[in-house]
Protein backbone atom coordinates (compact mmCIF):
# COMPACT_ATOMS: atom_id res chain seq x y z
CA MET A 1 22.32 -4.82 12.01
CA GLY A 2 24.25 -2.79 9.44
CA ASN A 3 21.57 -2.59 6.78
CA VAL A 4 19.00 -0.67 8.79
CA ILE A 5 18.48 2.96 7.86
CA ALA A 6 17.61 5.36 10.66
CA LYS A 7 14.31 7.21 10.53
CA ASN A 8 14.87 10.90 9.91
CA ARG A 9 11.44 12.36 9.10
CA LYS A 10 8.13 12.80 10.83
CA ALA A 11 4.88 13.54 9.03
CA TYR A 12 1.28 13.10 10.14
CA GLY A 13 2.51 11.41 13.31
CA TYR A 14 4.72 8.83 11.58
CA ASP A 15 8.49 8.52 11.73
CA TYR A 16 10.16 7.27 8.56
CA ALA A 17 13.39 7.29 6.57
CA ASP A 18 12.86 9.56 3.57
CA LEU A 19 13.95 8.83 -0.01
CA GLY A 20 17.02 11.07 0.31
CA SER A 21 18.38 9.15 3.29
CA VAL A 22 17.84 5.83 1.50
CA VAL A 23 19.62 7.08 -1.65
CA ASN A 24 22.42 8.51 0.50
CA TYR A 25 22.86 5.19 2.33
CA VAL A 26 23.03 3.26 -0.95
CA THR A 27 25.44 5.66 -2.67
CA GLU A 28 27.65 6.58 0.30
CA THR A 29 27.67 3.45 2.46
CA LEU A 30 27.18 0.71 -0.13
CA LYS A 31 29.14 2.66 -2.80
CA VAL A 32 26.57 1.89 -5.50
CA LYS A 33 25.23 4.27 -8.14
CA VAL A 34 21.50 3.94 -8.76
CA GLN A 35 19.13 4.99 -11.49
CA GLN A 36 15.36 4.74 -11.26
CA SER A 37 12.67 5.01 -13.89
CA ILE A 38 8.97 4.40 -14.34
CA GLN A 39 7.79 1.64 -16.66
CA TYR A 40 4.25 1.35 -17.94
CA ASP A 41 4.18 -1.60 -20.32
CA ASN A 42 4.52 -5.39 -19.99
CA LEU A 43 3.84 -5.28 -16.27
CA PRO A 44 0.86 -6.48 -14.21
CA GLN A 45 -2.07 -4.08 -14.00
CA TYR A 46 -3.27 -2.68 -10.68
CA PRO A 47 -6.39 -0.64 -9.99
CA ASN A 48 -5.34 2.98 -9.51
CA GLY A 49 -1.91 1.94 -10.80
CA TYR A 50 0.27 4.39 -12.68
CA GLY A 51 3.23 2.26 -13.68
CA PHE A 52 6.08 0.73 -11.74
CA VAL A 53 9.26 2.22 -10.36
CA VAL A 54 12.23 0.05 -11.30
CA THR A 55 15.82 0.49 -10.18
CA ARG A 56 19.13 -0.43 -11.73
CA TYR A 57 22.56 -0.08 -10.20
CA TRP A 58 26.25 0.26 -11.05
CA LYS A 59 28.91 -0.94 -8.60
CA ASP A 60 32.24 0.81 -9.02
CA ASP A 61 33.87 -2.42 -10.14
CA SER A 62 31.09 -3.21 -12.66
CA LYS A 63 31.46 -2.87 -16.40
CA SER A 64 27.85 -1.75 -16.96
CA TRP A 65 24.50 -0.98 -15.39
CA SER A 66 22.44 -3.89 -14.08
CA VAL A 67 19.10 -4.73 -15.67
CA PHE A 68 16.10 -2.98 -14.15
CA GLU A 69 15.03 -4.75 -10.98
CA ALA A 70 12.74 -4.46 -7.95
CA PRO A 71 9.51 -3.25 -9.58
CA VAL A 72 7.21 -1.51 -7.10
CA PRO A 73 3.79 -0.32 -8.31
CA ILE A 74 2.81 3.32 -8.09
CA ILE A 75 -0.71 3.05 -6.67
CA VAL A 76 -2.46 6.34 -6.05
CA GLY A 77 -5.19 6.28 -3.42
CA ASP A 78 -8.25 8.47 -3.41
CA SER A 79 -8.38 11.66 -1.40
CA ALA A 80 -11.21 10.57 0.88
CA GLY A 81 -10.37 10.70 4.52
CA LYS A 82 -8.85 13.09 6.99
CA ARG A 83 -7.32 15.44 4.45
CA GLU A 84 -8.08 16.32 0.85
CA GLN A 85 -5.16 16.28 -1.56
CA PRO A 86 -5.04 17.09 -5.28
CA PHE A 87 -4.26 14.15 -7.56
CA MET A 88 -0.73 15.31 -8.43
CA GLN A 89 0.22 15.58 -4.75
CA ARG A 90 -1.11 12.06 -4.13
CA TYR A 91 0.71 10.80 -7.25
CA GLY A 92 3.97 12.43 -6.12
CA SER A 93 3.69 10.82 -2.69
CA ALA A 94 2.91 7.42 -4.22
CA GLU A 95 5.84 7.70 -6.67
CA THR A 96 8.28 8.71 -3.93
CA TYR A 97 7.03 5.84 -1.77
CA ALA A 98 7.51 3.37 -4.66
CA ARG A 99 11.01 4.73 -5.42
CA ARG A 100 12.04 4.34 -1.79
CA TYR A 101 10.70 0.80 -1.54
CA SER A 102 12.26 -0.24 -4.85
CA LEU A 103 15.66 0.74 -3.42
CA LEU A 104 15.02 -0.91 -0.08
CA THR A 105 13.90 -4.10 -1.83
CA LEU A 106 16.77 -4.24 -4.30
CA PHE A 107 19.45 -3.88 -1.63
CA CYS A 108 17.65 -5.85 1.13
CA LEU A 109 17.59 -2.83 3.41
CA ALA A 110 15.29 -2.26 6.35
CA THR A 111 13.73 0.79 7.87
CA SER A 112 11.07 0.87 10.51
CA ASP A 113 8.26 3.09 9.27
CA ASP A 114 4.56 3.37 8.67
CA ASP A 115 4.10 6.12 6.13
CA GLY A 116 1.95 4.18 3.68
CA GLN A 117 -0.87 6.54 4.51
CA LEU A 118 1.16 9.33 2.98
CA ALA A 119 0.85 7.65 -0.42
CA GLY A 120 -2.79 8.67 -0.49
CA TYR A 121 -4.52 5.76 1.18
CA GLN A 122 -6.52 6.47 4.29
CA ARG A 123 -6.95 3.51 6.59
CA GLY A 124 -9.75 5.21 8.48
CA ASN A 125 -11.00 4.34 11.92
CA PRO A 126 -10.89 0.69 12.90
CA MET A 127 -14.30 -0.93 12.95
CA ASN A 128 -16.05 -0.38 16.27
CA GLU A 129 -17.41 -3.20 18.43
CA GLU A 130 -21.01 -2.75 17.28
CA LEU A 131 -20.02 -3.02 13.61
CA ARG A 132 -17.73 -5.96 14.41
CA LYS A 133 -20.69 -7.85 15.91
CA GLN A 134 -22.89 -7.05 12.88
CA VAL A 135 -20.20 -8.15 10.43
CA ALA A 136 -19.56 -11.36 12.40
CA ALA A 137 -23.30 -12.14 12.43
CA LEU A 138 -23.59 -11.60 8.66
CA LEU A 139 -20.53 -13.76 8.01
CA ALA A 140 -22.09 -16.51 10.13
CA GLN A 141 -25.41 -16.09 8.30
CA GLY A 142 -23.54 -16.44 5.01
CA ASN A 143 -21.76 -19.60 6.26
CA VAL A 144 -18.33 -18.07 5.65
CA PRO A 145 -15.70 -20.48 7.02
CA ALA A 146 -13.15 -19.25 9.56
CA GLY A 147 -10.08 -17.86 7.83
CA ARG A 148 -12.04 -16.81 4.70
CA GLU A 149 -13.60 -13.65 6.15
CA SER A 150 -11.29 -11.22 4.34
CA GLU A 151 -11.96 -12.90 1.00
CA ALA A 152 -15.75 -12.93 1.52
CA ILE A 153 -15.88 -9.27 2.57
CA GLY A 154 -13.49 -8.19 -0.19
CA ASN A 155 -15.52 -10.01 -2.85
CA ARG A 156 -18.74 -8.35 -1.69
CA ILE A 157 -17.38 -4.79 -1.50
CA LYS A 158 -15.05 -5.20 -4.51
CA MET A 159 -11.78 -4.29 -2.81
CA PRO A 160 -9.04 -6.19 -0.99
CA VAL A 161 -9.48 -6.00 2.78
CA ASN A 162 -8.02 -7.50 5.92
CA TYR A 163 -10.80 -8.64 8.26
CA ALA A 164 -8.61 -8.03 11.32
CA ARG A 165 -8.00 -4.41 10.20
CA LEU A 166 -11.43 -3.63 8.72
CA THR A 167 -12.38 0.04 8.98
CA ASP A 168 -15.76 1.46 9.97
CA TRP A 169 -16.30 2.51 6.36
CA GLN A 170 -15.46 -0.94 4.93
CA ALA A 171 -17.63 -2.66 7.55
CA GLN A 172 -20.55 -0.38 6.73
CA LEU A 173 -20.11 -1.05 2.99
CA PHE A 174 -20.22 -4.78 3.68
CA ILE A 175 -23.29 -4.53 5.92
CA ASN A 176 -25.17 -2.33 3.43
CA SER A 177 -24.30 -4.60 0.51
CA PHE A 178 -25.37 -7.71 2.41
CA LYS A 179 -28.68 -6.11 3.45
CA LYS A 180 -29.39 -4.86 -0.07
CA ASN A 181 -28.78 -8.36 -1.42
CA GLU A 182 -31.22 -9.77 1.15
CA GLU A 183 -33.86 -7.19 0.14
CA VAL A 184 -33.48 -8.16 -3.52
CA LYS A 185 -33.89 -11.85 -2.62
CA GLU A 186 -37.04 -11.11 -0.60
CA ALA A 187 -38.55 -9.00 -3.39
CA ALA A 188 -38.02 -11.77 -5.94
């Protein structure tokens, strides 16, 4: 497959193709000039969002730059987790990540990587078996239909989650919230 960019970096145990290699592939192999910018207005709002990276391009045989395309949100995660990072470092990582993915999206390029954690989000430890049993019991108690677990948990803890990839921390938030709600019901 000609549109796959080789991984050339390793950080925190993850191999990935960095922004420089993606830009180099686009400019040298595809022979396209690119320009990226951050837009803040007239775009959907995201929690922890700090604008969108958009990309435009100029092919050598073009008469002008394309319109801005491939918006990717700059979403800065918190610094909770394995390592503390100042906000500007997390913002810089998130912006670089968005710039890279805007280019990959615009030109339908692929790279095998898993560096999303470097953008500031910490996935945390996967939920252990004991927590999994507690969460499953609470979902059953709440009559949550199969296939709607992620939605039910996310609504309760006020964040999007994937039930299959729930972390210990997210599971504990759900359990605590459910128990607190039950205590309030009993007190009333």
